Amino acid sequence: MAVKVRIKGKKKHKNQPTSKKYTKYKIEGGKLVRERSCPRCGPGIFLMKADNRVYCGKCHLTEFFKQ
């Protein structure tokens, strides 16, 4: 029975998931435009989109959409 034992050296590389930051911006007319940001926190904080609401994770602001 062969057992691989790693005593010293570099750790095995683990792939990281890709960033979702590119989904928060749109290109309009050759310029980057931010998606909807939180009205309380300012332009640096994005709102999470759900099927019937938007939510700020920092100040917990929730806005519901009419159905």
PDB file of N, CA and C in Angstrom:
ATOM      1  N   MET A   1       0.855  -1.170   0.000  1.00  0.00           N
ATOM      2  CA  MET A   1       0.000   0.000   0.000  1.00  0.00           C
ATOM      3  C   MET A   1       0.905   1.238   0.000  1.00  0.00           C
ATOM      4  N   ALA A   2       0.735   2.072  -1.001  1.00  0.00           N
ATOM      5  CA  ALA A   2       1.550   3.274  -1.119  1.00  0.00           C
ATOM      6  C   ALA A   2       0.769   4.461  -0.570  1.00  0.00           C
ATOM      7  N   VAL A   3       1.408   5.218   0.291  1.00  0.00           N
ATOM      8  CA  VAL A   3       0.793   6.395   0.882  1.00  0.00           C
ATOM      9  C   VAL A   3       1.685   7.586   0.568  1.00  0.00           C
ATOM     10  N   LYS A   4       1.087   8.620  -0.038  1.00  0.00           N
ATOM     11  CA  LYS A   4       1.847   9.824  -0.345  1.00  0.00           C
ATOM     12  C   LYS A   4       1.864  10.717   0.894  1.00  0.00           C
ATOM     13  N   VAL A   5       3.040  11.018   1.363  1.00  0.00           N
ATOM     14  CA  VAL A   5       3.190  11.874   2.532  1.00  0.00           C
ATOM     15  C   VAL A   5       3.994  13.093   2.109  1.00  0.00           C
ATOM     16  N   ARG A   6       3.461  14.245   2.348  1.00  0.00           N
ATOM     17  CA  ARG A   6       4.140  15.492   2.028  1.00  0.00           C
ATOM     18  C   ARG A   6       4.674  16.069   3.334  1.00  0.00           C
ATOM     19  N   ILE A   7       5.958  16.054   3.472  1.00  0.00           N
ATOM     20  CA  ILE A   7       6.560  16.482   4.720  1.00  0.00           C
ATOM     21  C   ILE A   7       6.816  17.982   4.719  1.00  0.00           C
ATOM     22  N   LYS A   8       7.562  18.474   3.727  1.00  0.00           N
ATOM     23  CA  LYS A   8       7.874  19.890   3.654  1.00  0.00           C
ATOM     24  C   LYS A   8       7.760  20.341   2.210  1.00  0.00           C
ATOM     25  N   GLY A   9       7.680  21.637   2.037  1.00  0.00           N
ATOM     26  CA  GLY A   9       7.645  22.180   0.681  1.00  0.00           C
ATOM     27  C   GLY A   9       6.402  23.009   0.458  1.00  0.00           C
ATOM     28  N   LYS A  10       6.163  23.281  -0.805  1.00  0.00           N
ATOM     29  CA  LYS A  10       5.023  24.119  -1.157  1.00  0.00           C
ATOM     30  C   LYS A  10       3.715  23.359  -1.016  1.00  0.00           C
ATOM     31  N   LYS A  11       2.658  24.116  -0.713  1.00  0.00           N
ATOM     32  CA  LYS A  11       1.325  23.520  -0.654  1.00  0.00           C
ATOM     33  C   LYS A  11       0.773  23.388  -2.061  1.00  0.00           C
ATOM     34  N   LYS A  12      -0.113  22.460  -2.256  1.00  0.00           N
ATOM     35  CA  LYS A  12      -0.734  22.267  -3.553  1.00  0.00           C
ATOM     36  C   LYS A  12      -1.635  23.459  -3.862  1.00  0.00           C
ATOM     37  N   HIS A  13      -1.587  23.935  -5.116  1.00  0.00           N
ATOM     38  CA  HIS A  13      -2.379  25.095  -5.537  1.00  0.00           C
ATOM     39  C   HIS A  13      -3.854  24.722  -5.634  1.00  0.00           C
ATOM     40  N   LYS A  14      -4.717  25.557  -5.031  1.00  0.00           N
ATOM     41  CA  LYS A  14      -6.161  25.360  -5.124  1.00  0.00           C
ATOM     42  C   LYS A  14      -6.741  26.503  -5.941  1.00  0.00           C
ATOM     43  N   ASN A  15      -7.549  26.193  -6.920  1.00  0.00           N
ATOM     44  CA  ASN A  15      -8.172  27.233  -7.739  1.00  0.00           C
ATOM     45  C   ASN A  15      -9.215  27.985  -6.933  1.00  0.00           C
ATOM     46  N   GLN A  16      -9.210  29.309  -7.068  1.00  0.00           N
ATOM     47  CA  GLN A  16     -10.170  30.164  -6.379  1.00  0.00           C
ATOM     48  C   GLN A  16     -11.319  30.486  -7.324  1.00  0.00           C
ATOM     49  N   PRO A  17     -12.541  30.678  -6.813  1.00  0.00           N
ATOM     50  CA  PRO A  17     -13.648  31.065  -7.686  1.00  0.00           C
ATOM     51  C   PRO A  17     -13.420  32.460  -8.254  1.00  0.00           C
ATOM     52  N   THR A  18     -13.929  32.708  -9.452  1.00  0.00           N
ATOM     53  CA  THR A  18     -13.736  34.009 -10.084  1.00  0.00           C
ATOM     54  C   THR A  18     -14.566  35.068  -9.371  1.00  0.00           C
ATOM     55  N   SER A  19     -14.129  36.298  -9.472  1.00  0.00           N
ATOM     56  CA  SER A  19     -14.785  37.412  -8.804  1.00  0.00           C
ATOM     57  C   SER A  19     -16.086  37.770  -9.525  1.00  0.00           C
ATOM     58  N   LYS A  20     -17.070  38.222  -8.776  1.00  0.00           N
ATOM     59  CA  LYS A  20     -18.357  38.639  -9.343  1.00  0.00           C
ATOM     60  C   LYS A  20     -18.422  40.144  -9.544  1.00  0.00           C
ATOM     61  N   LYS A  21     -17.289  40.842  -9.384  1.00  0.00           N
ATOM     62  CA  LYS A  21     -17.281  42.292  -9.482  1.00  0.00           C
ATOM     63  C   LYS A  21     -17.669  42.780 -10.871  1.00  0.00           C
ATOM     64  N   TYR A  22     -17.347  41.994 -11.891  1.00  0.00           N
ATOM     65  CA  TYR A  22     -17.655  42.427 -13.247  1.00  0.00           C
ATOM     66  C   TYR A  22     -19.157  42.486 -13.513  1.00  0.00           C
ATOM     67  N   THR A  23     -19.980  41.867 -12.668  1.00  0.00           N
ATOM     68  CA  THR A  23     -21.434  41.906 -12.882  1.00  0.00           C
ATOM     69  C   THR A  23     -22.060  43.180 -12.329  1.00  0.00           C
ATOM     70  N   LYS A  24     -21.312  43.979 -11.577  1.00  0.00           N
ATOM     71  CA  LYS A  24     -21.849  45.187 -10.952  1.00  0.00           C
ATOM     72  C   LYS A  24     -21.718  46.426 -11.825  1.00  0.00           C
ATOM     73  N   TYR A  25     -21.128  46.289 -13.013  1.00  0.00           N
ATOM     74  CA  TYR A  25     -20.913  47.423 -13.900  1.00  0.00           C
ATOM     75  C   TYR A  25     -21.471  47.118 -15.281  1.00  0.00           C
ATOM     76  N   LYS A  26     -21.845  48.174 -16.008  1.00  0.00           N
ATOM     77  CA  LYS A  26     -22.291  48.053 -17.388  1.00  0.00           C
ATOM     78  C   LYS A  26     -21.496  49.030 -18.238  1.00  0.00           C
ATOM     79  N   ILE A  27     -21.327  48.714 -19.516  1.00  0.00           N
ATOM     80  CA  ILE A  27     -20.641  49.618 -20.437  1.00  0.00           C
ATOM     81  C   ILE A  27     -21.707  50.306 -21.279  1.00  0.00           C
ATOM     82  N   GLU A  28     -21.788  51.620 -21.158  1.00  0.00           N
ATOM     83  CA  GLU A  28     -22.747  52.411 -21.932  1.00  0.00           C
ATOM     84  C   GLU A  28     -21.997  53.540 -22.623  1.00  0.00           C
ATOM     85  N   GLY A  29     -21.978  53.511 -23.928  1.00  0.00           N
ATOM     86  CA  GLY A  29     -21.321  54.571 -24.686  1.00  0.00           C
ATOM     87  C   GLY A  29     -19.826  54.657 -24.447  1.00  0.00           C
ATOM     88  N   GLY A  30     -19.176  53.532 -24.221  1.00  0.00           N
ATOM     89  CA  GLY A  30     -17.738  53.525 -23.997  1.00  0.00           C
ATOM     90  C   GLY A  30     -17.314  53.882 -22.584  1.00  0.00           C
ATOM     91  N   LYS A  31     -18.264  54.041 -21.657  1.00  0.00           N
ATOM     92  CA  LYS A  31     -17.941  54.367 -20.267  1.00  0.00           C
ATOM     93  C   LYS A  31     -18.491  53.294 -19.343  1.00  0.00           C
ATOM     94  N   LEU A  32     -17.794  53.083 -18.224  1.00  0.00           N
ATOM     95  CA  LEU A  32     -18.290  52.161 -17.205  1.00  0.00           C
ATOM     96  C   LEU A  32     -19.330  52.871 -16.353  1.00  0.00           C
ATOM     97  N   VAL A  33     -20.461  52.224 -16.153  1.00  0.00           N
ATOM     98  CA  VAL A  33     -21.541  52.787 -15.341  1.00  0.00           C
ATOM     99  C   VAL A  33     -21.829  51.791 -14.230  1.00  0.00           C
ATOM    100  N   ARG A  34     -21.905  52.277 -12.995  1.00  0.00           N
ATOM    101  CA  ARG A  34     -22.187  51.401 -11.860  1.00  0.00           C
ATOM    102  C   ARG A  34     -23.654  50.994 -11.847  1.00  0.00           C
ATOM    103  N   GLU A  35     -23.888  49.800 -11.297  1.00  0.00           N
ATOM    104  CA  GLU A  35     -25.261  49.367 -11.071  1.00  0.00           C
ATOM    105  C   GLU A  35     -25.840  50.177  -9.915  1.00  0.00           C
ATOM    106  N   ARG A  36     -27.039  49.859  -9.499  1.00  0.00           N
ATOM    107  CA  ARG A  36     -27.709  50.606  -8.436  1.00  0.00           C
ATOM    108  C   ARG A  36     -26.922  50.526  -7.130  1.00  0.00           C
ATOM    109  N   SER A  37     -26.688  51.682  -6.506  1.00  0.00           N
ATOM    110  CA  SER A  37     -25.972  51.722  -5.230  1.00  0.00           C
ATOM    111  C   SER A  37     -26.937  52.130  -4.115  1.00  0.00           C
ATOM    112  N   CYS A  38     -26.518  51.956  -2.888  1.00  0.00           N
ATOM    113  CA  CYS A  38     -27.367  52.231  -1.729  1.00  0.00           C
ATOM    114  C   CYS A  38     -27.540  53.737  -1.546  1.00  0.00           C
ATOM    115  N   PRO A  39     -28.790  54.223  -1.400  1.00  0.00           N
ATOM    116  CA  PRO A  39     -29.006  55.653  -1.193  1.00  0.00           C
ATOM    117  C   PRO A  39     -28.531  56.142   0.180  1.00  0.00           C
ATOM    118  N   ARG A  40     -28.497  55.272   1.181  1.00  0.00           N
ATOM    119  CA  ARG A  40     -28.026  55.669   2.514  1.00  0.00           C
ATOM    120  C   ARG A  40     -26.503  55.638   2.611  1.00  0.00           C
ATOM    121  N   CYS A  41     -25.893  54.556   2.134  1.00  0.00           N
ATOM    122  CA  CYS A  41     -24.453  54.350   2.311  1.00  0.00           C
ATOM    123  C   CYS A  41     -23.620  55.112   1.289  1.00  0.00           C
ATOM    124  N   GLY A  42     -24.133  55.338   0.108  1.00  0.00           N
ATOM    125  CA  GLY A  42     -23.381  56.080  -0.894  1.00  0.00           C
ATOM    126  C   GLY A  42     -22.999  55.227  -2.092  1.00  0.00           C
ATOM    127  N   PRO A  43     -22.202  55.797  -2.985  1.00  0.00           N
ATOM    128  CA  PRO A  43     -21.921  55.134  -4.251  1.00  0.00           C
ATOM    129  C   PRO A  43     -20.973  53.940  -4.162  1.00  0.00           C
ATOM    130  N   GLY A  44     -20.328  53.697  -3.055  1.00  0.00           N
ATOM    131  CA  GLY A  44     -19.393  52.582  -2.953  1.00  0.00           C
ATOM    132  C   GLY A  44     -20.040  51.259  -2.582  1.00  0.00           C
ATOM    133  N   ILE A  45     -21.302  51.271  -2.171  1.00  0.00           N
ATOM    134  CA  ILE A  45     -21.985  50.069  -1.695  1.00  0.00           C
ATOM    135  C   ILE A  45     -23.069  49.688  -2.692  1.00  0.00           C
ATOM    136  N   PHE A  46     -23.010  48.470  -3.222  1.00  0.00           N
ATOM    137  CA  PHE A  46     -23.991  47.990  -4.184  1.00  0.00           C
ATOM    138  C   PHE A  46     -25.143  47.298  -3.476  1.00  0.00           C
ATOM    139  N   LEU A  47     -26.294  47.276  -4.130  1.00  0.00           N
ATOM    140  CA  LEU A  47     -27.466  46.597  -3.596  1.00  0.00           C
ATOM    141  C   LEU A  47     -27.577  45.201  -4.196  1.00  0.00           C
ATOM    142  N   MET A  48     -27.957  44.233  -3.363  1.00  0.00           N
ATOM    143  CA  MET A  48     -28.186  42.883  -3.827  1.00  0.00           C
ATOM    144  C   MET A  48     -29.542  42.816  -4.509  1.00  0.00           C
ATOM    145  N   LYS A  49     -29.622  42.143  -5.634  1.00  0.00           N
ATOM    146  CA  LYS A  49     -30.886  42.014  -6.352  1.00  0.00           C
ATOM    147  C   LYS A  49     -31.481  40.640  -6.077  1.00  0.00           C
ATOM    148  N   ALA A  50     -32.742  40.612  -5.682  1.00  0.00           N
ATOM    149  CA  ALA A  50     -33.502  39.376  -5.561  1.00  0.00           C
ATOM    150  C   ALA A  50     -34.678  39.487  -6.526  1.00  0.00           C
ATOM    151  N   ASP A  51     -35.555  38.507  -6.539  1.00  0.00           N
ATOM    152  CA  ASP A  51     -36.646  38.527  -7.513  1.00  0.00           C
ATOM    153  C   ASP A  51     -37.670  39.626  -7.240  1.00  0.00           C
ATOM    154  N   ASN A  52     -37.870  40.014  -5.975  1.00  0.00           N
ATOM    155  CA  ASN A  52     -38.881  41.032  -5.676  1.00  0.00           C
ATOM    156  C   ASN A  52     -38.362  42.179  -4.810  1.00  0.00           C
ATOM    157  N   ARG A  53     -37.036  42.275  -4.612  1.00  0.00           N
ATOM    158  CA  ARG A  53     -36.514  43.330  -3.740  1.00  0.00           C
ATOM    159  C   ARG A  53     -35.036  43.584  -4.038  1.00  0.00           C
ATOM    160  N   VAL A  54     -34.533  44.710  -3.517  1.00  0.00           N
ATOM    161  CA  VAL A  54     -33.100  44.992  -3.480  1.00  0.00           C
ATOM    162  C   VAL A  54     -32.726  45.210  -2.020  1.00  0.00           C
ATOM    163  N   TYR A  55     -31.502  44.818  -1.632  1.00  0.00           N
ATOM    164  CA  TYR A  55     -31.117  44.790  -0.227  1.00  0.00           C
ATOM    165  C   TYR A  55     -29.681  45.284  -0.075  1.00  0.00           C
ATOM    166  N   CYS A  56     -29.437  46.122   0.934  1.00  0.00           N
ATOM    167  CA  CYS A  56     -28.095  46.580   1.269  1.00  0.00           C
ATOM    168  C   CYS A  56     -27.596  45.751   2.448  1.00  0.00           C
ATOM    169  N   GLY A  57     -26.455  45.100   2.287  1.00  0.00           N
ATOM    170  CA  GLY A  57     -25.903  44.262   3.348  1.00  0.00           C
ATOM    171  C   GLY A  57     -25.239  45.055   4.454  1.00  0.00           C
ATOM    172  N   LYS A  58     -24.941  46.327   4.200  1.00  0.00           N
ATOM    173  CA  LYS A  58     -24.257  47.139   5.210  1.00  0.00           C
ATOM    174  C   LYS A  58     -25.242  47.785   6.177  1.00  0.00           C
ATOM    175  N   CYS A  59     -26.260  48.486   5.644  1.00  0.00           N
ATOM    176  CA  CYS A  59     -27.210  49.190   6.518  1.00  0.00           C
ATOM    177  C   CYS A  59     -28.571  48.488   6.583  1.00  0.00           C
ATOM    178  N   HIS A  60     -28.735  47.365   5.895  1.00  0.00           N
ATOM    179  CA  HIS A  60     -29.941  46.538   5.909  1.00  0.00           C
ATOM    180  C   HIS A  60     -31.165  47.237   5.324  1.00  0.00           C
ATOM    181  N   LEU A  61     -30.944  48.149   4.391  1.00  0.00           N
ATOM    182  CA  LEU A  61     -32.044  48.801   3.687  1.00  0.00           C
ATOM    183  C   LEU A  61     -32.649  47.800   2.700  1.00  0.00           C
ATOM    184  N   THR A  62     -33.970  47.679   2.694  1.00  0.00           N
ATOM    185  CA  THR A  62     -34.663  46.795   1.771  1.00  0.00           C
ATOM    186  C   THR A  62     -35.719  47.580   1.027  1.00  0.00           C
ATOM    187  N   GLU A  63     -35.717  47.477  -0.287  1.00  0.00           N
ATOM    188  CA  GLU A  63     -36.745  48.108  -1.120  1.00  0.00           C
ATOM    189  C   GLU A  63     -37.444  46.998  -1.892  1.00  0.00           C
ATOM    190  N   PHE A  64     -38.768  46.966  -1.789  1.00  0.00           N
ATOM    191  CA  PHE A  64     -39.561  45.950  -2.471  1.00  0.00           C
ATOM    192  C   PHE A  64     -40.121  46.505  -3.764  1.00  0.00           C
ATOM    193  N   PHE A  65     -40.237  45.643  -4.778  1.00  0.00           N
ATOM    194  CA  PHE A  65     -40.812  46.009  -6.059  1.00  0.00           C
ATOM    195  C   PHE A  65     -42.303  45.677  -6.055  1.00  0.00           C
ATOM    196  N   LYS A  66     -43.101  46.474  -6.775  1.00  0.00           N
ATOM    197  CA  LYS A  66     -44.517  46.156  -6.928  1.00  0.00           C
ATOM    198  C   LYS A  66     -44.661  45.020  -7.931  1.00  0.00           C
ATOM    199  N   GLN A  67     -45.642  44.165  -7.686  1.00  0.00           N
ATOM    200  CA  GLN A  67     -45.805  43.012  -8.569  1.00  0.00           C
ATOM    201  C   GLN A  67     -46.950  43.161  -9.502  1.00  0.00           C
TER     202      GLN A  67
END
